[in-house]
Amino acid sequence: QVQLVESGGGLVQAGGSLRLSCAASGRTFSIYNMGWYRQAPGKEREFVASISWGGTNGYYVDSVKGRFTISADNTKNTLYLQMNSLKPEDTAIYYCNAATTERGHNYWGQGTQVTVSS
């Protein structure tokens, strides 16, 4: 199994920045891709960004392109999401996801709350 623990969420004013972290443990050798998702109140969980484990190219939903940057430090088994120019519509619980080679199983963290005030 893979365990994921997010941190770094909080309350920030519009235009501000936050950096989320996701620490992976357990069978991390089975991870081949990681990503961030978010779920706002009353809405479905949506994809935000992803990166291949060991890669440098990130993929983003259009609404965060140019503002968010996903990165990974394999030596620390940690995934990051640098969020700049935050908007109130970015308010959501942010979840870390790991896709693994273990029968295609995906793992999720417990989520971290991001609140952007106007």
PDB file of N, CA and C in Angstrom:
ATOM      1  N   GLN A   1       0.831  -1.203   0.000  1.00  0.00           N
ATOM      2  CA  GLN A   1       0.000   0.000   0.000  1.00  0.00           C
ATOM      3  C   GLN A   1       0.863   1.249   0.000  1.00  0.00           C
ATOM      4  N   VAL A   2       0.228   2.340  -0.372  1.00  0.00           N
ATOM      5  CA  VAL A   2       0.887   3.658  -0.362  1.00  0.00           C
ATOM      6  C   VAL A   2       0.071   4.577   0.535  1.00  0.00           C
ATOM      7  N   GLN A   3       0.747   5.287   1.404  1.00  0.00           N
ATOM      8  CA  GLN A   3       0.079   6.266   2.256  1.00  0.00           C
ATOM      9  C   GLN A   3       0.469   7.663   1.780  1.00  0.00           C
ATOM     10  N   LEU A   4      -0.510   8.548   1.769  1.00  0.00           N
ATOM     11  CA  LEU A   4      -0.299   9.921   1.308  1.00  0.00           C
ATOM     12  C   LEU A   4      -0.787  10.891   2.372  1.00  0.00           C
ATOM     13  N   VAL A   5       0.035  11.870   2.699  1.00  0.00           N
ATOM     14  CA  VAL A   5      -0.336  12.866   3.700  1.00  0.00           C
ATOM     15  C   VAL A   5      -0.074  14.256   3.135  1.00  0.00           C
ATOM     16  N   GLU A   6      -1.164  15.017   2.982  1.00  0.00           N
ATOM     17  CA  GLU A   6      -1.050  16.380   2.457  1.00  0.00           C
ATOM     18  C   GLU A   6      -0.832  17.376   3.589  1.00  0.00           C
ATOM     19  N   SER A   7      -0.230  18.491   3.249  1.00  0.00           N
ATOM     20  CA  SER A   7      -0.064  19.596   4.191  1.00  0.00           C
ATOM     21  C   SER A   7       0.105  20.879   3.397  1.00  0.00           C
ATOM     22  N   GLY A   8       0.014  22.009   4.105  1.00  0.00           N
ATOM     23  CA  GLY A   8       0.265  23.290   3.467  1.00  0.00           C
ATOM     24  C   GLY A   8      -0.953  24.128   3.149  1.00  0.00           C
ATOM     25  N   GLY A   9      -2.131  23.577   3.382  1.00  0.00           N
ATOM     26  CA  GLY A   9      -3.334  24.354   3.127  1.00  0.00           C
ATOM     27  C   GLY A   9      -3.502  25.461   4.153  1.00  0.00           C
ATOM     28  N   GLY A  10      -4.490  26.324   3.907  1.00  0.00           N
ATOM     29  CA  GLY A  10      -4.748  27.405   4.838  1.00  0.00           C
ATOM     30  C   GLY A  10      -5.628  28.466   4.233  1.00  0.00           C
ATOM     31  N   LEU A  11      -5.692  29.595   4.937  1.00  0.00           N
ATOM     32  CA  LEU A  11      -6.491  30.739   4.507  1.00  0.00           C
ATOM     33  C   LEU A  11      -5.555  31.797   3.934  1.00  0.00           C
ATOM     34  N   VAL A  12      -5.873  32.284   2.748  1.00  0.00           N
ATOM     35  CA  VAL A  12      -5.041  33.285   2.097  1.00  0.00           C
ATOM     36  C   VAL A  12      -5.936  34.266   1.349  1.00  0.00           C
ATOM     37  N   GLN A  13      -5.483  35.486   1.208  1.00  0.00           N
ATOM     38  CA  GLN A  13      -6.239  36.473   0.457  1.00  0.00           C
ATOM     39  C   GLN A  13      -6.049  36.268  -1.041  1.00  0.00           C
ATOM     40  N   ALA A  14      -7.005  36.731  -1.795  1.00  0.00           N
ATOM     41  CA  ALA A  14      -6.902  36.654  -3.252  1.00  0.00           C
ATOM     42  C   ALA A  14      -5.614  37.319  -3.713  1.00  0.00           C
ATOM     43  N   GLY A  15      -4.940  36.671  -4.656  1.00  0.00           N
ATOM     44  CA  GLY A  15      -3.661  37.153  -5.135  1.00  0.00           C
ATOM     45  C   GLY A  15      -2.473  36.564  -4.402  1.00  0.00           C
ATOM     46  N   GLY A  16      -2.734  35.899  -3.311  1.00  0.00           N
ATOM     47  CA  GLY A  16      -1.672  35.306  -2.507  1.00  0.00           C
ATOM     48  C   GLY A  16      -1.219  33.964  -3.037  1.00  0.00           C
ATOM     49  N   SER A  17      -0.307  33.344  -2.272  1.00  0.00           N
ATOM     50  CA  SER A  17       0.291  32.075  -2.679  1.00  0.00           C
ATOM     51  C   SER A  17       0.269  31.065  -1.536  1.00  0.00           C
ATOM     52  N   LEU A  18       0.237  29.807  -1.912  1.00  0.00           N
ATOM     53  CA  LEU A  18       0.387  28.699  -0.983  1.00  0.00           C
ATOM     54  C   LEU A  18       1.158  27.599  -1.688  1.00  0.00           C
ATOM     55  N   ARG A  19       1.859  26.792  -0.896  1.00  0.00           N
ATOM     56  CA  ARG A  19       2.502  25.600  -1.450  1.00  0.00           C
ATOM     57  C   ARG A  19       2.012  24.376  -0.687  1.00  0.00           C
ATOM     58  N   LEU A  20       1.388  23.472  -1.425  1.00  0.00           N
ATOM     59  CA  LEU A  20       0.925  22.217  -0.848  1.00  0.00           C
ATOM     60  C   LEU A  20       2.010  21.156  -0.998  1.00  0.00           C
ATOM     61  N   SER A  21       2.064  20.280  -0.017  1.00  0.00           N
ATOM     62  CA  SER A  21       2.990  19.145  -0.064  1.00  0.00           C
ATOM     63  C   SER A  21       2.206  17.867   0.145  1.00  0.00           C
ATOM     64  N   CYS A  22       2.704  16.790  -0.436  1.00  0.00           N
ATOM     65  CA  CYS A  22       2.109  15.480  -0.259  1.00  0.00           C
ATOM     66  C   CYS A  22       3.241  14.488  -0.054  1.00  0.00           C
ATOM     67  N   ALA A  23       3.333  13.964   1.156  1.00  0.00           N
ATOM     68  CA  ALA A  23       4.389  13.010   1.481  1.00  0.00           C
ATOM     69  C   ALA A  23       3.878  11.591   1.268  1.00  0.00           C
ATOM     70  N   ALA A  24       4.603  10.844   0.472  1.00  0.00           N
ATOM     71  CA  ALA A  24       4.225   9.462   0.184  1.00  0.00           C
ATOM     72  C   ALA A  24       5.107   8.510   0.990  1.00  0.00           C
ATOM     73  N   SER A  25       4.507   7.418   1.435  1.00  0.00           N
ATOM     74  CA  SER A  25       5.260   6.392   2.159  1.00  0.00           C
ATOM     75  C   SER A  25       4.683   5.030   1.808  1.00  0.00           C
ATOM     76  N   GLY A  26       5.369   4.014   2.240  1.00  0.00           N
ATOM     77  CA  GLY A  26       4.930   2.660   1.912  1.00  0.00           C
ATOM     78  C   GLY A  26       5.588   2.172   0.636  1.00  0.00           C
ATOM     79  N   ARG A  27       4.812   1.546  -0.234  1.00  0.00           N
ATOM     80  CA  ARG A  27       5.338   0.960  -1.474  1.00  0.00           C
ATOM     81  C   ARG A  27       5.465   2.028  -2.562  1.00  0.00           C
ATOM     82  N   THR A  28       6.281   3.029  -2.289  1.00  0.00           N
ATOM     83  CA  THR A  28       6.416   4.152  -3.221  1.00  0.00           C
ATOM     84  C   THR A  28       7.064   3.738  -4.539  1.00  0.00           C
ATOM     85  N   PHE A  29       7.757   2.600  -4.545  1.00  0.00           N
ATOM     86  CA  PHE A  29       8.391   2.144  -5.785  1.00  0.00           C
ATOM     87  C   PHE A  29       7.343   1.776  -6.833  1.00  0.00           C
ATOM     88  N   SER A  30       6.098   1.584  -6.395  1.00  0.00           N
ATOM     89  CA  SER A  30       5.039   1.210  -7.327  1.00  0.00           C
ATOM     90  C   SER A  30       4.354   2.422  -7.963  1.00  0.00           C
ATOM     91  N   ILE A  31       4.690   3.616  -7.515  1.00  0.00           N
ATOM     92  CA  ILE A  31       4.056   4.830  -8.045  1.00  0.00           C
ATOM     93  C   ILE A  31       4.628   5.153  -9.420  1.00  0.00           C
ATOM     94  N   TYR A  32       3.753   5.455 -10.397  1.00  0.00           N
ATOM     95  CA  TYR A  32       4.233   5.901 -11.701  1.00  0.00           C
ATOM     96  C   TYR A  32       3.681   7.268 -12.079  1.00  0.00           C
ATOM     97  N   ASN A  33       2.700   7.751 -11.371  1.00  0.00           N
ATOM     98  CA  ASN A  33       2.138   9.064 -11.664  1.00  0.00           C
ATOM     99  C   ASN A  33       1.480   9.620 -10.398  1.00  0.00           C
ATOM    100  N   MET A  34       1.578  10.932 -10.224  1.00  0.00           N
ATOM    101  CA  MET A  34       0.922  11.554  -9.082  1.00  0.00           C
ATOM    102  C   MET A  34       0.216  12.815  -9.528  1.00  0.00           C
ATOM    103  N   GLY A  35      -0.798  13.192  -8.761  1.00  0.00           N
ATOM    104  CA  GLY A  35      -1.551  14.363  -9.149  1.00  0.00           C
ATOM    105  C   GLY A  35      -2.269  15.019  -7.989  1.00  0.00           C
ATOM    106  N   TRP A  36      -2.809  16.178  -8.286  1.00  0.00           N
ATOM    107  CA  TRP A  36      -3.630  16.923  -7.349  1.00  0.00           C
ATOM    108  C   TRP A  36      -5.036  17.058  -7.916  1.00  0.00           C
ATOM    109  N   TYR A  37      -6.009  16.885  -7.042  1.00  0.00           N
ATOM    110  CA  TYR A  37      -7.412  17.076  -7.366  1.00  0.00           C
ATOM    111  C   TYR A  37      -7.980  18.003  -6.306  1.00  0.00           C
ATOM    112  N   ARG A  38      -9.148  18.566  -6.603  1.00  0.00           N
ATOM    113  CA  ARG A  38      -9.794  19.417  -5.604  1.00  0.00           C
ATOM    114  C   ARG A  38     -11.298  19.247  -5.676  1.00  0.00           C
ATOM    115  N   GLN A  39     -11.912  19.530  -4.542  1.00  0.00           N
ATOM    116  CA  GLN A  39     -13.376  19.444  -4.465  1.00  0.00           C
ATOM    117  C   GLN A  39     -13.896  20.636  -3.690  1.00  0.00           C
ATOM    118  N   ALA A  40     -14.663  21.462  -4.386  1.00  0.00           N
ATOM    119  CA  ALA A  40     -15.289  22.616  -3.770  1.00  0.00           C
ATOM    120  C   ALA A  40     -16.646  22.204  -3.213  1.00  0.00           C
ATOM    121  N   PRO A  41     -17.176  22.961  -2.243  1.00  0.00           N
ATOM    122  CA  PRO A  41     -18.475  22.612  -1.657  1.00  0.00           C
ATOM    123  C   PRO A  41     -19.566  22.505  -2.718  1.00  0.00           C
ATOM    124  N   GLY A  42     -20.280  21.419  -2.686  1.00  0.00           N
ATOM    125  CA  GLY A  42     -21.378  21.224  -3.616  1.00  0.00           C
ATOM    126  C   GLY A  42     -20.973  20.830  -5.015  1.00  0.00           C
ATOM    127  N   LYS A  43     -19.679  20.596  -5.235  1.00  0.00           N
ATOM    128  CA  LYS A  43     -19.203  20.240  -6.573  1.00  0.00           C
ATOM    129  C   LYS A  43     -18.485  18.897  -6.541  1.00  0.00           C
ATOM    130  N   GLU A  44     -18.320  18.332  -7.718  1.00  0.00           N
ATOM    131  CA  GLU A  44     -17.598  17.074  -7.819  1.00  0.00           C
ATOM    132  C   GLU A  44     -16.094  17.322  -7.761  1.00  0.00           C
ATOM    133  N   ARG A  45     -15.376  16.292  -7.386  1.00  0.00           N
ATOM    134  CA  ARG A  45     -13.919  16.380  -7.363  1.00  0.00           C
ATOM    135  C   ARG A  45     -13.415  16.548  -8.795  1.00  0.00           C
ATOM    136  N   GLU A  46     -12.465  17.478  -8.977  1.00  0.00           N
ATOM    137  CA  GLU A  46     -11.943  17.727 -10.308  1.00  0.00           C
ATOM    138  C   GLU A  46     -10.423  17.638 -10.330  1.00  0.00           C
ATOM    139  N   PHE A  47      -9.914  17.283 -11.495  1.00  0.00           N
ATOM    140  CA  PHE A  47      -8.477  17.214 -11.724  1.00  0.00           C
ATOM    141  C   PHE A  47      -7.885  18.620 -11.716  1.00  0.00           C
ATOM    142  N   VAL A  48      -6.702  18.757 -11.112  1.00  0.00           N
ATOM    143  CA  VAL A  48      -6.002  20.035 -11.101  1.00  0.00           C
ATOM    144  C   VAL A  48      -4.688  19.938 -11.881  1.00  0.00           C
ATOM    145  N   ALA A  49      -3.848  18.969 -11.507  1.00  0.00           N
ATOM    146  CA  ALA A  49      -2.543  18.844 -12.146  1.00  0.00           C
ATOM    147  C   ALA A  49      -1.990  17.448 -11.898  1.00  0.00           C
ATOM    148  N   SER A  50      -1.097  17.012 -12.771  1.00  0.00           N
ATOM    149  CA  SER A  50      -0.445  15.718 -12.588  1.00  0.00           C
ATOM    150  C   SER A  50       0.958  15.756 -13.153  1.00  0.00           C
ATOM    151  N   ILE A  51       1.761  14.783 -12.724  1.00  0.00           N
ATOM    152  CA  ILE A  51       3.141  14.680 -13.161  1.00  0.00           C
ATOM    153  C   ILE A  51       3.548  13.221 -13.072  1.00  0.00           C
ATOM    154  N   SER A  52       4.352  12.765 -14.032  1.00  0.00           N
ATOM    155  CA  SER A  52       4.836  11.399 -13.935  1.00  0.00           C
ATOM    156  C   SER A  52       5.915  11.339 -12.862  1.00  0.00           C
ATOM    157  N   TRP A  53       5.921  10.253 -12.105  1.00  0.00           N
ATOM    158  CA  TRP A  53       6.865  10.101 -11.004  1.00  0.00           C
ATOM    159  C   TRP A  53       8.266   9.954 -11.594  1.00  0.00           C
ATOM    160  N   GLY A  54       9.108  10.938 -11.335  1.00  0.00           N
ATOM    161  CA  GLY A  54      10.425  10.959 -11.939  1.00  0.00           C
ATOM    162  C   GLY A  54      10.500  11.890 -13.125  1.00  0.00           C
ATOM    163  N   GLY A  55       9.369  12.441 -13.519  1.00  0.00           N
ATOM    164  CA  GLY A  55       9.346  13.355 -14.642  1.00  0.00           C
ATOM    165  C   GLY A  55       9.332  14.804 -14.202  1.00  0.00           C
ATOM    166  N   THR A  56       9.351  15.676 -15.189  1.00  0.00           N
ATOM    167  CA  THR A  56       9.356  17.110 -14.889  1.00  0.00           C
ATOM    168  C   THR A  56       8.211  17.858 -15.565  1.00  0.00           C
ATOM    169  N   ASN A  57       7.568  17.220 -16.519  1.00  0.00           N
ATOM    170  CA  ASN A  57       6.484  17.900 -17.240  1.00  0.00           C
ATOM    171  C   ASN A  57       5.168  17.710 -16.510  1.00  0.00           C
ATOM    172  N   GLY A  58       4.531  18.821 -16.212  1.00  0.00           N
ATOM    173  CA  GLY A  58       3.253  18.760 -15.540  1.00  0.00           C
ATOM    174  C   GLY A  58       2.113  19.000 -16.503  1.00  0.00           C
ATOM    175  N   TYR A  59       0.947  18.511 -16.134  1.00  0.00           N
ATOM    176  CA  TYR A  59      -0.270  18.710 -16.914  1.00  0.00           C
ATOM    177  C   TYR A  59      -1.288  19.377 -16.007  1.00  0.00           C
ATOM    178  N   TYR A  60      -2.017  20.344 -16.574  1.00  0.00           N
ATOM    179  CA  TYR A  60      -2.872  21.196 -15.762  1.00  0.00           C
ATOM    180  C   TYR A  60      -4.262  21.368 -16.369  1.00  0.00           C
ATOM    181  N   VAL A  61      -5.226  21.561 -15.502  1.00  0.00           N
ATOM    182  CA  VAL A  61      -6.530  21.998 -15.960  1.00  0.00           C
ATOM    183  C   VAL A  61      -6.383  23.451 -16.419  1.00  0.00           C
ATOM    184  N   ASP A  62      -7.154  23.829 -17.405  1.00  0.00           N
ATOM    185  CA  ASP A  62      -6.986  25.166 -18.000  1.00  0.00           C
ATOM    186  C   ASP A  62      -7.098  26.292 -16.970  1.00  0.00           C
ATOM    187  N   SER A  63      -7.944  26.117 -15.994  1.00  0.00           N
ATOM    188  CA  SER A  63      -8.219  27.199 -15.047  1.00  0.00           C
ATOM    189  C   SER A  63      -7.027  27.549 -14.151  1.00  0.00           C
ATOM    190  N   VAL A  64      -6.018  26.673 -14.080  1.00  0.00           N
ATOM    191  CA  VAL A  64      -4.863  26.953 -13.215  1.00  0.00           C
ATOM    192  C   VAL A  64      -3.578  27.140 -14.003  1.00  0.00           C
ATOM    193  N   LYS A  65      -3.626  26.961 -15.299  1.00  0.00           N
ATOM    194  CA  LYS A  65      -2.413  27.116 -16.110  1.00  0.00           C
ATOM    195  C   LYS A  65      -1.828  28.511 -15.944  1.00  0.00           C
ATOM    196  N   GLY A  66      -0.516  28.563 -15.759  1.00  0.00           N
ATOM    197  CA  GLY A  66       0.162  29.833 -15.575  1.00  0.00           C
ATOM    198  C   GLY A  66       0.153  30.327 -14.143  1.00  0.00           C
ATOM    199  N   ARG A  67      -0.631  29.682 -13.280  1.00  0.00           N
ATOM    200  CA  ARG A  67      -0.686  30.085 -11.869  1.00  0.00           C
ATOM    201  C   ARG A  67      -0.159  28.997 -10.928  1.00  0.00           C
ATOM    202  N   PHE A  68      -0.419  27.759 -11.261  1.00  0.00           N
ATOM    203  CA  PHE A  68      -0.014  26.631 -10.419  1.00  0.00           C
ATOM    204  C   PHE A  68       1.148  25.884 -11.086  1.00  0.00           C
ATOM    205  N   THR A  69       2.028  25.335 -10.245  1.00  0.00           N
ATOM    206  CA  THR A  69       3.129  24.519 -10.736  1.00  0.00           C
ATOM    207  C   THR A  69       3.237  23.257  -9.900  1.00  0.00           C
ATOM    208  N   ILE A  70       3.194  22.113 -10.574  1.00  0.00           N
ATOM    209  CA  ILE A  70       3.342  20.833  -9.887  1.00  0.00           C
ATOM    210  C   ILE A  70       4.792  20.377 -10.034  1.00  0.00           C
ATOM    211  N   SER A  71       5.311  19.789  -8.964  1.00  0.00           N
ATOM    212  CA  SER A  71       6.677  19.266  -9.008  1.00  0.00           C
ATOM    213  C   SER A  71       6.786  18.105  -8.036  1.00  0.00           C
ATOM    214  N   ALA A  72       7.863  17.352  -8.179  1.00  0.00           N
ATOM    215  CA  ALA A  72       8.060  16.190  -7.311  1.00  0.00           C
ATOM    216  C   ALA A  72       9.531  16.040  -6.964  1.00  0.00           C
ATOM    217  N   ASP A  73       9.780  15.635  -5.742  1.00  0.00           N
ATOM    218  CA  ASP A  73      11.141  15.319  -5.286  1.00  0.00           C
ATOM    219  C   ASP A  73      11.152  13.839  -4.920  1.00  0.00           C
ATOM    220  N   ASN A  74      11.659  13.037  -5.851  1.00  0.00           N
ATOM    221  CA  ASN A  74      11.653  11.595  -5.623  1.00  0.00           C
ATOM    222  C   ASN A  74      12.535  11.184  -4.448  1.00  0.00           C
ATOM    223  N   THR A  75      13.561  11.943  -4.173  1.00  0.00           N
ATOM    224  CA  THR A  75      14.466  11.592  -3.075  1.00  0.00           C
ATOM    225  C   THR A  75      13.756  11.737  -1.729  1.00  0.00           C
ATOM    226  N   LYS A  76      12.746  12.603  -1.697  1.00  0.00           N
ATOM    227  CA  LYS A  76      11.972  12.806  -0.476  1.00  0.00           C
ATOM    228  C   LYS A  76      10.586  12.188  -0.553  1.00  0.00           C
ATOM    229  N   ASN A  77      10.300  11.545  -1.696  1.00  0.00           N
ATOM    230  CA  ASN A  77       8.966  10.963  -1.908  1.00  0.00           C
ATOM    231  C   ASN A  77       7.866  11.986  -1.635  1.00  0.00           C
ATOM    232  N   THR A  78       8.066  13.178  -2.151  1.00  0.00           N
ATOM    233  CA  THR A  78       7.131  14.262  -1.884  1.00  0.00           C
ATOM    234  C   THR A  78       6.701  14.949  -3.168  1.00  0.00           C
ATOM    235  N   LEU A  79       5.421  15.217  -3.242  1.00  0.00           N
ATOM    236  CA  LEU A  79       4.801  15.932  -4.352  1.00  0.00           C
ATOM    237  C   LEU A  79       4.441  17.330  -3.858  1.00  0.00           C
ATOM    238  N   TYR A  80       4.575  18.321  -4.753  1.00  0.00           N
ATOM    239  CA  TYR A  80       4.277  19.702  -4.389  1.00  0.00           C
ATOM    240  C   TYR A  80       3.299  20.319  -5.375  1.00  0.00           C
ATOM    241  N   LEU A  81       2.606  21.337  -4.886  1.00  0.00           N
ATOM    242  CA  LEU A  81       1.799  22.165  -5.770  1.00  0.00           C
ATOM    243  C   LEU A  81       1.991  23.611  -5.327  1.00  0.00           C
ATOM    244  N   GLN A  82       2.727  24.369  -6.119  1.00  0.00           N
ATOM    245  CA  GLN A  82       2.905  25.791  -5.850  1.00  0.00           C
ATOM    246  C   GLN A  82       1.738  26.537  -6.485  1.00  0.00           C
ATOM    247  N   MET A  83       0.998  27.257  -5.672  1.00  0.00           N
ATOM    248  CA  MET A  83      -0.183  27.960  -6.146  1.00  0.00           C
ATOM    249  C   MET A  83       0.021  29.460  -5.976  1.00  0.00           C
ATOM    250  N   ASN A  84       0.063  30.172  -7.080  1.00  0.00           N
ATOM    251  CA  ASN A  84       0.227  31.625  -7.071  1.00  0.00           C
ATOM    252  C   ASN A  84      -1.027  32.296  -7.625  1.00  0.00           C
ATOM    253  N   SER A  85      -1.128  33.588  -7.371  1.00  0.00           N
ATOM    254  CA  SER A  85      -2.260  34.375  -7.885  1.00  0.00           C
ATOM    255  C   SER A  85      -3.588  33.680  -7.580  1.00  0.00           C
ATOM    256  N   LEU A  86      -3.738  33.269  -6.346  1.00  0.00           N
ATOM    257  CA  LEU A  86      -4.934  32.508  -5.966  1.00  0.00           C
ATOM    258  C   LEU A  86      -6.195  33.346  -6.089  1.00  0.00           C
ATOM    259  N   LYS A  87      -7.270  32.679  -6.458  1.00  0.00           N
ATOM    260  CA  LYS A  87      -8.578  33.300  -6.645  1.00  0.00           C
ATOM    261  C   LYS A  87      -9.578  32.651  -5.692  1.00  0.00           C
ATOM    262  N   PRO A  88     -10.643  33.372  -5.358  1.00  0.00           N
ATOM    263  CA  PRO A  88     -11.668  32.759  -4.487  1.00  0.00           C
ATOM    264  C   PRO A  88     -12.208  31.439  -5.044  1.00  0.00           C
ATOM    265  N   GLU A  89     -12.265  31.316  -6.360  1.00  0.00           N
ATOM    266  CA  GLU A  89     -12.774  30.081  -6.960  1.00  0.00           C
ATOM    267  C   GLU A  89     -11.805  28.909  -6.827  1.00  0.00           C
ATOM    268  N   ASP A  90     -10.617  29.161  -6.307  1.00  0.00           N
ATOM    269  CA  ASP A  90      -9.685  28.069  -6.019  1.00  0.00           C
ATOM    270  C   ASP A  90      -9.974  27.429  -4.666  1.00  0.00           C
ATOM    271  N   THR A  91     -10.892  28.012  -3.915  1.00  0.00           N
ATOM    272  CA  THR A  91     -11.250  27.473  -2.614  1.00  0.00           C
ATOM    273  C   THR A  91     -11.807  26.058  -2.746  1.00  0.00           C
ATOM    274  N   ALA A  92     -11.192  25.127  -2.036  1.00  0.00           N
ATOM    275  CA  ALA A  92     -11.597  23.723  -2.127  1.00  0.00           C
ATOM    276  C   ALA A  92     -10.746  22.901  -1.164  1.00  0.00           C
ATOM    277  N   ILE A  93     -11.125  21.647  -1.012  1.00  0.00           N
ATOM    278  CA  ILE A  93     -10.237  20.677  -0.367  1.00  0.00           C
ATOM    279  C   ILE A  93      -9.376  20.083  -1.475  1.00  0.00           C
ATOM    280  N   TYR A  94      -8.077  20.108  -1.273  1.00  0.00           N
ATOM    281  CA  TYR A  94      -7.136  19.596  -2.260  1.00  0.00           C
ATOM    282  C   TYR A  94      -6.640  18.217  -1.832  1.00  0.00           C
ATOM    283  N   TYR A  95      -6.731  17.284  -2.777  1.00  0.00           N
ATOM    284  CA  TYR A  95      -6.358  15.902  -2.509  1.00  0.00           C
ATOM    285  C   TYR A  95      -5.166  15.497  -3.379  1.00  0.00           C
ATOM    286  N   CYS A  96      -4.290  14.729  -2.788  1.00  0.00           N
ATOM    287  CA  CYS A  96      -3.163  14.145  -3.493  1.00  0.00           C
ATOM    288  C   CYS A  96      -3.555  12.739  -3.954  1.00  0.00           C
ATOM    289  N   ASN A  97      -3.134  12.382  -5.150  1.00  0.00           N
ATOM    290  CA  ASN A  97      -3.448  11.072  -5.716  1.00  0.00           C
ATOM    291  C   ASN A  97      -2.185  10.413  -6.235  1.00  0.00           C
ATOM    292  N   ALA A  98      -2.073   9.108  -6.027  1.00  0.00           N
ATOM    293  CA  ALA A  98      -0.951   8.347  -6.569  1.00  0.00           C
ATOM    294  C   ALA A  98      -1.486   7.180  -7.376  1.00  0.00           C
ATOM    295  N   ALA A  99      -1.046   7.101  -8.610  1.00  0.00           N
ATOM    296  CA  ALA A  99      -1.386   5.963  -9.455  1.00  0.00           C
ATOM    297  C   ALA A  99      -0.239   4.964  -9.376  1.00  0.00           C
ATOM    298  N   THR A 100      -0.574   3.708  -9.135  1.00  0.00           N
ATOM    299  CA  THR A 100       0.475   2.717  -8.923  1.00  0.00           C
ATOM    300  C   THR A 100       0.321   1.533  -9.869  1.00  0.00           C
ATOM    301  N   THR A 101       1.373   0.745  -9.895  1.00  0.00           N
ATOM    302  CA  THR A 101       1.367  -0.455 -10.718  1.00  0.00           C
ATOM    303  C   THR A 101       0.747  -1.637  -9.983  1.00  0.00           C
ATOM    304  N   GLU A 102       0.269  -1.405  -8.783  1.00  0.00           N
ATOM    305  CA  GLU A 102      -0.367  -2.458  -7.988  1.00  0.00           C
ATOM    306  C   GLU A 102      -1.785  -2.687  -8.485  1.00  0.00           C
ATOM    307  N   ARG A 103      -1.875  -3.475  -9.547  1.00  0.00           N
ATOM    308  CA  ARG A 103      -3.180  -3.785 -10.148  1.00  0.00           C
ATOM    309  C   ARG A 103      -3.921  -2.502 -10.521  1.00  0.00           C
ATOM    310  N   GLY A 104      -3.175  -1.464 -10.858  1.00  0.00           N
ATOM    311  CA  GLY A 104      -3.763  -0.200 -11.263  1.00  0.00           C
ATOM    312  C   GLY A 104      -4.413   0.570 -10.146  1.00  0.00           C
ATOM    313  N   HIS A 105      -4.079   0.233  -8.909  1.00  0.00           N
ATOM    314  CA  HIS A 105      -4.748   0.869  -7.777  1.00  0.00           C
ATOM    315  C   HIS A 105      -4.301   2.313  -7.616  1.00  0.00           C
ATOM    316  N   ASN A 106      -5.271   3.184  -7.328  1.00  0.00           N
ATOM    317  CA  ASN A 106      -5.008   4.584  -7.020  1.00  0.00           C
ATOM    318  C   ASN A 106      -5.188   4.818  -5.530  1.00  0.00           C
ATOM    319  N   TYR A 107      -4.304   5.639  -4.971  1.00  0.00           N
ATOM    320  CA  TYR A 107      -4.398   5.987  -3.561  1.00  0.00           C
ATOM    321  C   TYR A 107      -4.671   7.479  -3.409  1.00  0.00           C
ATOM    322  N   TRP A 108      -5.375   7.815  -2.311  1.00  0.00           N
ATOM    323  CA  TRP A 108      -5.730   9.202  -2.030  1.00  0.00           C
ATOM    324  C   TRP A 108      -5.267   9.603  -0.634  1.00  0.00           C
ATOM    325  N   GLY A 109      -4.909  10.883  -0.502  1.00  0.00           N
ATOM    326  CA  GLY A 109      -4.647  11.437   0.809  1.00  0.00           C
ATOM    327  C   GLY A 109      -5.947  11.884   1.449  1.00  0.00           C
ATOM    328  N   GLN A 110      -5.827  12.433   2.648  1.00  0.00           N
ATOM    329  CA  GLN A 110      -7.028  12.825   3.399  1.00  0.00           C
ATOM    330  C   GLN A 110      -7.519  14.206   3.006  1.00  0.00           C
ATOM    331  N   GLY A 111      -6.695  14.954   2.285  1.00  0.00           N
ATOM    332  CA  GLY A 111      -7.103  16.282   1.816  1.00  0.00           C
ATOM    333  C   GLY A 111      -6.614  17.398   2.729  1.00  0.00           C
ATOM    334  N   THR A 112      -6.426  18.567   2.130  1.00  0.00           N
ATOM    335  CA  THR A 112      -6.056  19.757   2.893  1.00  0.00           C
ATOM    336  C   THR A 112      -6.884  20.928   2.381  1.00  0.00           C
ATOM    337  N   GLN A 113      -7.426  21.700   3.299  1.00  0.00           N
ATOM    338  CA  GLN A 113      -8.344  22.784   2.941  1.00  0.00           C
ATOM    339  C   GLN A 113      -7.572  24.028   2.489  1.00  0.00           C
ATOM    340  N   VAL A 114      -7.991  24.560   1.365  1.00  0.00           N
ATOM    341  CA  VAL A 114      -7.472  25.834   0.869  1.00  0.00           C
ATOM    342  C   VAL A 114      -8.653  26.796   0.765  1.00  0.00           C
ATOM    343  N   THR A 115      -8.542  27.925   1.429  1.00  0.00           N
ATOM    344  CA  THR A 115      -9.596  28.933   1.401  1.00  0.00           C
ATOM    345  C   THR A 115      -8.995  30.258   0.953  1.00  0.00           C
ATOM    346  N   VAL A 116      -9.567  30.813  -0.102  1.00  0.00           N
ATOM    347  CA  VAL A 116      -9.085  32.081  -0.646  1.00  0.00           C
ATOM    348  C   VAL A 116     -10.171  33.125  -0.438  1.00  0.00           C
ATOM    349  N   SER A 117      -9.853  34.145   0.318  1.00  0.00           N
ATOM    350  CA  SER A 117     -10.834  35.199   0.593  1.00  0.00           C
ATOM    351  C   SER A 117     -10.690  36.337  -0.416  1.00  0.00           C
ATOM    352  N   SER A 118     -11.818  36.957  -0.701  1.00  0.00           N
ATOM    353  CA  SER A 118     -11.821  38.052  -1.695  1.00  0.00           C
ATOM    354  C   SER A 118     -11.553  39.390  -1.036  1.00  0.00           C
TER     355      SER A 118
END
